[in-house]
């Protein structure tokens, strides 16, 4: 099994934390698979949609 810390830590520090060292789109592209689906209570988002949404918050 993959070490979860090696996935979760870059996700939070690189994609969810606004900083000048990382680009959320680059981090998410390296972590998420091409067939990734974020399942929400209202709707689902594919990889590109989630990257677009999180990228909006970093601007």
Protein backbone atom coordinates (compact mmCIF):
# COMPACT_ATOMS: atom_id res chain seq x y z
CA UNK A 1 0.00 0.00 0.00
CA UNK A 2 1.18 3.50 -0.80
CA UNK A 3 2.22 5.64 2.13
CA UNK A 4 -0.84 7.88 2.55
CA UNK A 5 1.24 10.68 4.04
CA UNK A 6 3.15 10.96 0.76
CA UNK A 7 -0.16 11.69 -1.01
CA UNK A 8 -2.15 13.58 1.61
CA UNK A 9 0.60 15.97 2.71
CA UNK A 10 1.34 17.32 -0.81
CA UNK A 11 -2.42 17.60 -1.40
CA UNK A 12 -2.97 19.81 1.65
CA UNK A 13 0.28 21.76 1.51
CA UNK A 14 0.52 22.15 -2.26
CA UNK A 15 -3.06 22.19 -3.48
CA UNK A 16 -5.18 23.49 -0.60
CA UNK A 17 -2.78 25.94 1.03
CA UNK A 18 -2.27 29.26 -0.73
CA UNK A 19 1.47 29.84 -1.04
CA UNK A 20 4.06 31.10 -3.50
CA UNK A 21 5.98 27.82 -3.82
CA UNK A 22 3.40 25.59 -5.50
CA UNK A 23 0.77 25.67 -8.19
CA UNK A 24 -2.38 23.74 -7.19
CA UNK A 25 -2.97 22.52 -10.76
CA UNK A 26 0.53 21.05 -10.99
CA UNK A 27 0.20 19.33 -7.62
CA UNK A 28 -3.23 17.89 -8.42
CA UNK A 29 -2.13 16.73 -11.87
CA UNK A 30 0.66 14.75 -10.25
CA UNK A 31 -1.56 13.23 -7.54
CA UNK A 32 -4.89 12.54 -9.23
CA UNK A 33 -5.45 9.82 -11.80
CA UNK A 34 -6.96 10.65 -15.18
CA UNK A 35 -10.19 8.85 -14.25
CA UNK A 36 -10.50 10.61 -10.85
CA UNK A 37 -14.03 11.55 -9.75
CA UNK A 38 -14.74 13.67 -6.67
CA UNK A 39 -18.14 12.50 -5.45
CA UNK A 40 -20.08 15.19 -3.63
CA UNK A 41 -23.53 15.30 -2.10
CA UNK A 42 -24.85 17.56 -4.87
CA UNK A 43 -22.68 16.75 -7.87
CA UNK A 44 -19.54 14.96 -9.01
CA UNK A 45 -16.42 16.58 -10.46
CA UNK A 46 -13.82 15.04 -12.70
CA UNK A 47 -10.11 15.81 -12.42
CA UNK A 48 -10.23 18.89 -14.65
CA UNK A 49 -13.28 20.34 -12.92
CA UNK A 50 -11.75 19.91 -9.46
CA UNK A 51 -8.46 21.46 -10.57
CA UNK A 52 -10.37 24.41 -12.02
CA UNK A 53 -12.36 24.90 -8.85
CA UNK A 54 -9.35 24.73 -6.52
CA UNK A 55 -7.29 26.91 -8.85
CA UNK A 56 -9.95 29.60 -8.57
CA UNK A 57 -9.47 29.81 -4.80
CA UNK A 58 -5.73 30.35 -5.16
CA UNK A 59 -6.13 33.50 -7.22
